[in-house]
């Protein structure tokens, strides 16, 4: 866990990640989350998603 994931050229890989959020920054119901995918310090992709959490 926490190591590098190496995918050979022309291949795919599926993996899971754990994202820890500070509870103080979370909005009730839906908190936007933006993740960057990097290779050798260069951003390859930006992923936008949301954390669906407790509703008050």
PDB file of N, CA and C in Angstrom:
ATOM      1  N   UNK A   1       0.847  -1.186   0.000  1.00  0.00           N
ATOM      2  CA  UNK A   1       0.000   0.000   0.000  1.00  0.00           C
ATOM      3  C   UNK A   1       0.883   1.237   0.000  1.00  0.00           C
ATOM      4  N   UNK A   2       0.533   2.202  -0.818  1.00  0.00           N
ATOM      5  CA  UNK A   2       1.292   3.430  -0.882  1.00  0.00           C
ATOM      6  C   UNK A   2       2.451   3.376  -1.854  1.00  0.00           C
ATOM      7  N   UNK A   3       2.669   2.228  -2.511  1.00  0.00           N
ATOM      8  CA  UNK A   3       3.756   2.103  -3.471  1.00  0.00           C
ATOM      9  C   UNK A   3       3.312   2.540  -4.851  1.00  0.00           C
ATOM     10  N   UNK A   4       4.239   2.453  -5.779  1.00  0.00           N
ATOM     11  CA  UNK A   4       3.952   2.819  -7.169  1.00  0.00           C
ATOM     12  C   UNK A   4       3.175   1.710  -7.865  1.00  0.00           C
ATOM     13  N   UNK A   5       2.316   2.113  -8.763  1.00  0.00           N
ATOM     14  CA  UNK A   5       1.576   1.185  -9.600  1.00  0.00           C
ATOM     15  C   UNK A   5       2.148   1.307 -11.002  1.00  0.00           C
ATOM     16  N   UNK A   6       2.731   0.232 -11.525  1.00  0.00           N
ATOM     17  CA  UNK A   6       3.341   0.260 -12.856  1.00  0.00           C
ATOM     18  C   UNK A   6       2.456  -0.540 -13.804  1.00  0.00           C
ATOM     19  N   UNK A   7       2.017   0.114 -14.870  1.00  0.00           N
ATOM     20  CA  UNK A   7       1.164  -0.525 -15.873  1.00  0.00           C
ATOM     21  C   UNK A   7       1.939  -0.543 -17.191  1.00  0.00           C
ATOM     22  N   UNK A   8       2.136  -1.725 -17.775  1.00  0.00           N
ATOM     23  CA  UNK A   8       2.863  -1.811 -19.047  1.00  0.00           C
ATOM     24  C   UNK A   8       2.149  -1.032 -20.155  1.00  0.00           C
ATOM     25  N   UNK A   9       2.890  -0.568 -21.163  1.00  0.00           N
ATOM     26  CA  UNK A   9       2.264   0.139 -22.294  1.00  0.00           C
ATOM     27  C   UNK A   9       1.169  -0.709 -22.939  1.00  0.00           C
ATOM     28  N   UNK A  10       0.118  -0.039 -23.380  1.00  0.00           N
ATOM     29  CA  UNK A  10      -1.016  -0.657 -24.068  1.00  0.00           C
ATOM     30  C   UNK A  10      -1.815  -1.611 -23.172  1.00  0.00           C
ATOM     31  N   UNK A  11      -1.695  -1.468 -21.861  1.00  0.00           N
ATOM     32  CA  UNK A  11      -2.440  -2.299 -20.915  1.00  0.00           C
ATOM     33  C   UNK A  11      -3.274  -1.407 -20.011  1.00  0.00           C
ATOM     34  N   UNK A  12      -4.179  -2.010 -19.283  1.00  0.00           N
ATOM     35  CA  UNK A  12      -5.024  -1.298 -18.332  1.00  0.00           C
ATOM     36  C   UNK A  12      -4.828  -1.886 -16.949  1.00  0.00           C
ATOM     37  N   UNK A  13      -5.199  -1.098 -15.967  1.00  0.00           N
ATOM     38  CA  UNK A  13      -5.170  -1.578 -14.591  1.00  0.00           C
ATOM     39  C   UNK A  13      -6.332  -0.958 -13.835  1.00  0.00           C
ATOM     40  N   UNK A  14      -6.894  -1.707 -12.940  1.00  0.00           N
ATOM     41  CA  UNK A  14      -7.945  -1.198 -12.069  1.00  0.00           C
ATOM     42  C   UNK A  14      -7.424  -1.277 -10.644  1.00  0.00           C
ATOM     43  N   UNK A  15      -7.690  -0.246  -9.874  1.00  0.00           N
ATOM     44  CA  UNK A  15      -7.188  -0.193  -8.511  1.00  0.00           C
ATOM     45  C   UNK A  15      -8.137   0.643  -7.676  1.00  0.00           C
ATOM     46  N   UNK A  16      -8.046   0.490  -6.398  1.00  0.00           N
ATOM     47  CA  UNK A  16      -8.845   1.295  -5.472  1.00  0.00           C
ATOM     48  C   UNK A  16      -7.912   2.189  -4.671  1.00  0.00           C
ATOM     49  N   UNK A  17      -8.417   3.341  -4.300  1.00  0.00           N
ATOM     50  CA  UNK A  17      -7.652   4.247  -3.452  1.00  0.00           C
ATOM     51  C   UNK A  17      -8.512   4.656  -2.269  1.00  0.00           C
ATOM     52  N   UNK A  18      -7.849   5.004  -1.199  1.00  0.00           N
ATOM     53  CA  UNK A  18      -8.531   5.498  -0.010  1.00  0.00           C
ATOM     54  C   UNK A  18      -8.214   6.980   0.101  1.00  0.00           C
ATOM     55  N   UNK A  19      -9.235   7.803   0.128  1.00  0.00           N
ATOM     56  CA  UNK A  19      -9.068   9.248   0.259  1.00  0.00           C
ATOM     57  C   UNK A  19      -9.602   9.640   1.628  1.00  0.00           C
ATOM     58  N   UNK A  20      -8.740  10.231   2.423  1.00  0.00           N
ATOM     59  CA  UNK A  20      -9.142  10.654   3.769  1.00  0.00           C
ATOM     60  C   UNK A  20      -9.487  12.132   3.730  1.00  0.00           C
ATOM     61  N   UNK A  21     -10.703  12.470   4.155  1.00  0.00           N
ATOM     62  CA  UNK A  21     -11.174  13.849   4.152  1.00  0.00           C
ATOM     63  C   UNK A  21     -11.278  14.365   5.577  1.00  0.00           C
ATOM     64  N   UNK A  22     -10.900  15.620   5.775  1.00  0.00           N
ATOM     65  CA  UNK A  22     -11.048  16.271   7.077  1.00  0.00           C
ATOM     66  C   UNK A  22     -12.542  16.514   7.300  1.00  0.00           C
ATOM     67  N   UNK A  23     -13.113  15.965   8.357  1.00  0.00           N
ATOM     68  CA  UNK A  23     -14.555  16.139   8.589  1.00  0.00           C
ATOM     69  C   UNK A  23     -14.995  17.604   8.631  1.00  0.00           C
ATOM     70  N   UNK A  24     -14.097  18.503   9.029  1.00  0.00           N
ATOM     71  CA  UNK A  24     -14.450  19.926   9.116  1.00  0.00           C
ATOM     72  C   UNK A  24     -14.673  20.544   7.736  1.00  0.00           C
ATOM     73  N   UNK A  25     -14.102  19.942   6.690  1.00  0.00           N
ATOM     74  CA  UNK A  25     -14.252  20.503   5.344  1.00  0.00           C
ATOM     75  C   UNK A  25     -15.418  19.883   4.582  1.00  0.00           C
ATOM     76  N   UNK A  26     -16.036  18.867   5.148  1.00  0.00           N
ATOM     77  CA  UNK A  26     -17.111  18.172   4.447  1.00  0.00           C
ATOM     78  C   UNK A  26     -18.426  18.931   4.562  1.00  0.00           C
ATOM     79  N   UNK A  27     -19.150  18.965   3.449  1.00  0.00           N
ATOM     80  CA  UNK A  27     -20.459  19.591   3.417  1.00  0.00           C
ATOM     81  C   UNK A  27     -21.511  18.511   3.640  1.00  0.00           C
ATOM     82  N   UNK A  28     -22.604  18.884   4.203  1.00  0.00           N
ATOM     83  CA  UNK A  28     -23.667  17.922   4.447  1.00  0.00           C
ATOM     84  C   UNK A  28     -24.211  17.389   3.132  1.00  0.00           C
ATOM     85  N   UNK A  29     -24.185  16.074   2.980  1.00  0.00           N
ATOM     86  CA  UNK A  29     -24.791  15.438   1.820  1.00  0.00           C
ATOM     87  C   UNK A  29     -23.878  15.215   0.638  1.00  0.00           C
ATOM     88  N   UNK A  30     -23.125  16.250   0.201  1.00  0.00           N
ATOM     89  CA  UNK A  30     -22.354  16.114  -1.028  1.00  0.00           C
ATOM     90  C   UNK A  30     -21.130  17.032  -0.983  1.00  0.00           C
ATOM     91  N   UNK A  31     -19.926  16.461  -0.917  1.00  0.00           N
ATOM     92  CA  UNK A  31     -18.683  17.232  -0.899  1.00  0.00           C
ATOM     93  C   UNK A  31     -17.919  16.970  -2.184  1.00  0.00           C
ATOM     94  N   UNK A  32     -17.686  18.008  -2.999  1.00  0.00           N
ATOM     95  CA  UNK A  32     -16.913  17.812  -4.227  1.00  0.00           C
ATOM     96  C   UNK A  32     -15.481  17.377  -3.913  1.00  0.00           C
ATOM     97  N   UNK A  33     -14.943  16.475  -4.719  1.00  0.00           N
ATOM     98  CA  UNK A  33     -13.575  15.990  -4.567  1.00  0.00           C
ATOM     99  C   UNK A  33     -12.909  16.041  -5.945  1.00  0.00           C
ATOM    100  N   UNK A  34     -11.721  16.663  -6.020  1.00  0.00           N
ATOM    101  CA  UNK A  34     -10.963  16.731  -7.267  1.00  0.00           C
ATOM    102  C   UNK A  34      -9.615  16.059  -7.023  1.00  0.00           C
ATOM    103  N   UNK A  35      -9.295  15.056  -7.857  1.00  0.00           N
ATOM    104  CA  UNK A  35      -8.063  14.284  -7.717  1.00  0.00           C
ATOM    105  C   UNK A  35      -7.201  14.471  -8.957  1.00  0.00           C
ATOM    106  N   UNK A  36      -5.883  14.534  -8.761  1.00  0.00           N
ATOM    107  CA  UNK A  36      -4.954  14.607  -9.877  1.00  0.00           C
ATOM    108  C   UNK A  36      -4.238  13.278 -10.043  1.00  0.00           C
ATOM    109  N   UNK A  37      -4.041  12.855 -11.282  1.00  0.00           N
ATOM    110  CA  UNK A  37      -3.288  11.644 -11.604  1.00  0.00           C
ATOM    111  C   UNK A  37      -1.960  12.111 -12.203  1.00  0.00           C
ATOM    112  N   UNK A  38      -0.844  11.695 -11.587  1.00  0.00           N
ATOM    113  CA  UNK A  38       0.475  12.174 -11.980  1.00  0.00           C
ATOM    114  C   UNK A  38       1.392  11.035 -12.394  1.00  0.00           C
ATOM    115  N   UNK A  39       2.323  11.353 -13.305  1.00  0.00           N
ATOM    116  CA  UNK A  39       3.389  10.434 -13.683  1.00  0.00           C
ATOM    117  C   UNK A  39       4.674  11.254 -13.748  1.00  0.00           C
ATOM    118  N   UNK A  40       5.660  10.833 -12.952  1.00  0.00           N
ATOM    119  CA  UNK A  40       6.948  11.534 -12.921  1.00  0.00           C
ATOM    120  C   UNK A  40       6.781  13.033 -12.692  1.00  0.00           C
ATOM    121  N   UNK A  41       5.872  13.415 -11.812  1.00  0.00           N
ATOM    122  CA  UNK A  41       5.652  14.815 -11.485  1.00  0.00           C
ATOM    123  C   UNK A  41       4.807  15.591 -12.477  1.00  0.00           C
ATOM    124  N   UNK A  42       4.367  14.976 -13.557  1.00  0.00           N
ATOM    125  CA  UNK A  42       3.542  15.641 -14.562  1.00  0.00           C
ATOM    126  C   UNK A  42       2.092  15.179 -14.438  1.00  0.00           C
ATOM    127  N   UNK A  43       1.174  16.144 -14.370  1.00  0.00           N
ATOM    128  CA  UNK A  43      -0.240  15.794 -14.250  1.00  0.00           C
ATOM    129  C   UNK A  43      -0.744  15.231 -15.573  1.00  0.00           C
ATOM    130  N   UNK A  44      -1.313  14.033 -15.505  1.00  0.00           N
ATOM    131  CA  UNK A  44      -1.870  13.375 -16.685  1.00  0.00           C
ATOM    132  C   UNK A  44      -3.367  13.608 -16.824  1.00  0.00           C
ATOM    133  N   UNK A  45      -4.043  13.667 -15.678  1.00  0.00           N
ATOM    134  CA  UNK A  45      -5.503  13.709 -15.725  1.00  0.00           C
ATOM    135  C   UNK A  45      -6.035  14.299 -14.432  1.00  0.00           C
ATOM    136  N   UNK A  46      -7.170  14.967 -14.522  1.00  0.00           N
ATOM    137  CA  UNK A  46      -7.885  15.460 -13.351  1.00  0.00           C
ATOM    138  C   UNK A  46      -9.226  14.740 -13.287  1.00  0.00           C
ATOM    139  N   UNK A  47      -9.523  14.159 -12.129  1.00  0.00           N
ATOM    140  CA  UNK A  47     -10.782  13.438 -11.939  1.00  0.00           C
ATOM    141  C   UNK A  47     -11.663  14.233 -10.981  1.00  0.00           C
ATOM    142  N   UNK A  48     -12.909  14.423 -11.347  1.00  0.00           N
ATOM    143  CA  UNK A  48     -13.854  15.129 -10.491  1.00  0.00           C
ATOM    144  C   UNK A  48     -14.922  14.142 -10.047  1.00  0.00           C
ATOM    145  N   UNK A  49     -15.169  14.119  -8.753  1.00  0.00           N
ATOM    146  CA  UNK A  49     -16.170  13.229  -8.201  1.00  0.00           C
ATOM    147  C   UNK A  49     -16.764  13.910  -6.961  1.00  0.00           C
ATOM    148  N   UNK A  50     -17.517  13.192  -6.189  1.00  0.00           N
ATOM    149  CA  UNK A  50     -18.093  13.752  -4.975  1.00  0.00           C
ATOM    150  C   UNK A  50     -18.172  12.676  -3.910  1.00  0.00           C
ATOM    151  N   UNK A  51     -18.068  13.096  -2.659  1.00  0.00           N
ATOM    152  CA  UNK A  51     -18.255  12.214  -1.525  1.00  0.00           C
ATOM    153  C   UNK A  51     -19.686  12.431  -1.058  1.00  0.00           C
ATOM    154  N   UNK A  52     -20.450  11.368  -1.072  1.00  0.00           N
ATOM    155  CA  UNK A  52     -21.832  11.434  -0.585  1.00  0.00           C
ATOM    156  C   UNK A  52     -21.800  10.995   0.867  1.00  0.00           C
ATOM    157  N   UNK A  53     -22.027  11.929   1.761  1.00  0.00           N
ATOM    158  CA  UNK A  53     -21.854  11.625   3.172  1.00  0.00           C
ATOM    159  C   UNK A  53     -23.105  11.847   3.987  1.00  0.00           C
ATOM    160  N   UNK A  54     -22.889  11.879   5.270  1.00  0.00           N
ATOM    161  CA  UNK A  54     -24.030  12.034   6.194  1.00  0.00           C
ATOM    162  C   UNK A  54     -24.810  13.310   5.924  1.00  0.00           C
ATOM    163  N   UNK A  55     -26.088  13.184   6.053  1.00  0.00           N
ATOM    164  CA  UNK A  55     -26.941  14.361   5.931  1.00  0.00           C
ATOM    165  C   UNK A  55     -27.389  14.766   7.333  1.00  0.00           C
ATOM    166  N   UNK A  56     -27.333  16.063   7.560  1.00  0.00           N
ATOM    167  CA  UNK A  56     -27.729  16.568   8.892  1.00  0.00           C
ATOM    168  C   UNK A  56     -29.218  16.770   8.971  1.00  0.00           C
TER     169      UNK A  56
END
